[in-house]
C-alpha atoms as a PDB file:
ATOM      1  CA  UNK A   1     101.429  53.098  19.062  1.00  0.00           C
ATOM      2  CA  UNK A   2     104.693  54.957  18.537  1.00  0.00           C
ATOM      3  CA  UNK A   3     106.968  55.178  21.549  1.00  0.00           C
ATOM      4  CA  UNK A   4     108.706  58.409  20.568  1.00  0.00           C
ATOM      5  CA  UNK A   5     105.705  60.656  21.398  1.00  0.00           C
ATOM      6  CA  UNK A   6     106.624  63.332  23.917  1.00  0.00           C
ATOM      7  CA  UNK A   7     104.373  63.807  26.900  1.00  0.00           C
ATOM      8  CA  UNK A   8     104.199  67.549  27.492  1.00  0.00           C
ATOM      9  CA  UNK A   9     102.667  67.117  30.951  1.00  0.00           C
ATOM     10  CA  UNK A  10     105.563  64.922  32.029  1.00  0.00           C
ATOM     11  CA  UNK A  11     108.039  67.498  30.753  1.00  0.00           C
ATOM     12  CA  UNK A  12     106.196  70.258  32.618  1.00  0.00           C
ATOM     13  CA  UNK A  13     106.278  68.197  35.797  1.00  0.00           C
ATOM     14  CA  UNK A  14     110.022  67.669  35.459  1.00  0.00           C
ATOM     15  CA  UNK A  15     110.582  71.395  34.909  1.00  0.00           C
ATOM     16  CA  UNK A  16     108.496  72.319  37.939  1.00  0.00           C
ATOM     17  CA  UNK A  17     110.208  69.760  40.157  1.00  0.00           C
ATOM     18  CA  UNK A  18     113.600  71.120  39.069  1.00  0.00           C
ATOM     19  CA  UNK A  19     112.522  74.635  40.089  1.00  0.00           C
ATOM     20  CA  UNK A  20     111.301  73.427  43.444  1.00  0.00           C
ATOM     21  CA  UNK A  21     114.578  73.361  45.347  1.00  0.00           C
ATOM     22  CA  UNK A  22     115.475  72.326  48.867  1.00  0.00           C
ATOM     23  CA  UNK A  23     115.453  75.970  49.902  1.00  0.00           C
ATOM     24  CA  UNK A  24     111.815  76.281  48.865  1.00  0.00           C
ATOM     25  CA  UNK A  25     110.941  73.121  50.769  1.00  0.00           C
ATOM     26  CA  UNK A  26     112.625  74.434  53.922  1.00  0.00           C
ATOM     27  CA  UNK A  27     110.822  77.756  53.577  1.00  0.00           C
ATOM     28  CA  UNK A  28     107.446  76.045  53.292  1.00  0.00           C
ATOM     29  CA  UNK A  29     108.221  73.668  56.151  1.00  0.00           C
ATOM     30  CA  UNK A  30     109.274  76.586  58.353  1.00  0.00           C
ATOM     31  CA  UNK A  31     106.067  78.455  57.551  1.00  0.00           C
ATOM     32  CA  UNK A  32     103.912  75.437  58.376  1.00  0.00           C
ATOM     33  CA  UNK A  33     105.798  74.801  61.624  1.00  0.00           C
ATOM     34  CA  UNK A  34     105.330  78.396  62.754  1.00  0.00           C
ATOM     35  CA  UNK A  35     101.598  78.280  61.976  1.00  0.00           C
ATOM     36  CA  UNK A  36     101.177  75.007  63.847  1.00  0.00           C
ATOM     37  CA  UNK A  37     103.095  76.486  66.778  1.00  0.00           C
ATOM     38  CA  UNK A  38     100.791  79.501  66.835  1.00  0.00           C
ATOM     39  CA  UNK A  39      97.672  77.312  66.829  1.00  0.00           C
ATOM     40  CA  UNK A  40      99.170  75.163  69.595  1.00  0.00           C
ATOM     41  CA  UNK A  41      99.854  78.270  71.692  1.00  0.00           C
ATOM     42  CA  UNK A  42      96.336  79.632  71.160  1.00  0.00           C
ATOM     43  CA  UNK A  43      94.866  76.228  72.027  1.00  0.00           C
ATOM     44  CA  UNK A  44      96.756  76.138  75.304  1.00  0.00           C
ATOM     45  CA  UNK A  45      95.535  79.627  76.198  1.00  0.00           C
ATOM     46  CA  UNK A  46      91.923  78.666  75.492  1.00  0.00           C
ATOM     47  CA  UNK A  47      92.307  75.427  77.449  1.00  0.00           C
ATOM     48  CA  UNK A  48      93.785  77.239  80.430  1.00  0.00           C
ATOM     49  CA  UNK A  49      91.595  80.331  80.683  1.00  0.00           C
ATOM     50  CA  UNK A  50      88.227  79.417  79.152  1.00  0.00           C
ATOM     51  CA  UNK A  51      86.961  77.429  82.169  1.00  0.00           C
ATOM     52  CA  UNK A  52      88.001  80.263  84.488  1.00  0.00           C
ATOM     53  CA  UNK A  53      86.150  82.806  82.356  1.00  0.00           C
ATOM     54  CA  UNK A  54      82.971  80.691  82.513  1.00  0.00           C
ATOM     55  CA  UNK A  55      83.372  80.392  86.287  1.00  0.00           C
ATOM     56  CA  UNK A  56      83.769  84.144  86.553  1.00  0.00           C
ATOM     57  CA  UNK A  57      80.526  84.694  84.613  1.00  0.00           C
ATOM     58  CA  UNK A  58      78.723  82.209  86.880  1.00  0.00           C
ATOM     59  CA  UNK A  59      79.933  84.017  89.988  1.00  0.00           C
ATOM     60  CA  UNK A  60      79.054  87.429  88.524  1.00  0.00           C
ATOM     61  CA  UNK A  61      75.524  86.250  87.737  1.00  0.00           C
ATOM     62  CA  UNK A  62      75.023  85.132  91.334  1.00  0.00           C
ATOM     63  CA  UNK A  63      75.534  81.404  90.887  1.00  0.00           C
ATOM     64  CA  UNK A  64      77.689  79.177  93.025  1.00  0.00           C
ATOM     65  CA  UNK A  65      78.287  79.227  96.768  1.00  0.00           C
ATOM     66  CA  UNK A  66      79.257  82.457  98.437  1.00  0.00           C
ATOM     67  CA  UNK A  67      82.452  82.413 100.534  1.00  0.00           C
ATOM     68  CA  UNK A  68      80.593  84.044 103.437  1.00  0.00           C
ATOM     69  CA  UNK A  69      78.016  81.226 103.563  1.00  0.00           C
ATOM     70  CA  UNK A  70      80.628  78.868 104.946  1.00  0.00           C
ATOM     71  CA  UNK A  71      81.703  81.302 107.672  1.00  0.00           C
ATOM     72  CA  UNK A  72      78.149  81.979 108.887  1.00  0.00           C
ATOM     73  CA  UNK A  73      77.122  78.312 108.882  1.00  0.00           C
ATOM     74  CA  UNK A  74      75.942  77.406 112.432  1.00  0.00           C
ATOM     75  CA  UNK A  75      76.701  73.704 111.854  1.00  0.00           C
ATOM     76  CA  UNK A  76      80.400  74.417 111.577  1.00  0.00           C
ATOM     77  CA  UNK A  77      82.186  73.298 114.721  1.00  0.00           C
ATOM     78  CA  UNK A  78      85.236  75.533 114.593  1.00  0.00           C
ATOM     79  CA  UNK A  79      87.713  77.252 112.327  1.00  0.00           C
ATOM     80  CA  UNK A  80      89.588  73.954 112.080  1.00  0.00           C
ATOM     81  CA  UNK A  81      86.834  72.486 109.904  1.00  0.00           C
ATOM     82  CA  UNK A  82      88.391  74.390 107.083  1.00  0.00           C
ATOM     83  CA  UNK A  83      92.144  74.371 107.770  1.00  0.00           C
ATOM     84  CA  UNK A  84      94.469  76.984 106.347  1.00  0.00           C
ATOM     85  CA  UNK A  85      96.604  74.302 104.714  1.00  0.00           C
ATOM     86  CA  UNK A  86      94.196  71.641 103.421  1.00  0.00           C
ATOM     87  CA  UNK A  87      96.918  69.161 102.426  1.00  0.00           C
ATOM     88  CA  UNK A  88      98.052  68.629 106.005  1.00  0.00           C
ATOM     89  CA  UNK A  89      96.880  65.514 107.810  1.00  0.00           C
ATOM     90  CA  UNK A  90      95.725  65.797 111.411  1.00  0.00           C
END
């Protein structure tokens, strides 16, 4: 097999890699970083607000305890059963 045969695909690859400069790489990297940042931001919004939206729909449909049920409960001893600042220790 002769060794002086030119590989046109290899030449094409070398031409394309010469055209692909550092500036092009930075542009692509910047574009990818901005897209990833957008998806990260949207993911945080969904993670933060989606459970609250489901809770709102449950309350609107009549599910869950009503805040007035606790006030009208005859088994409650006093207003101190539910303190204003729940993190305080008696």
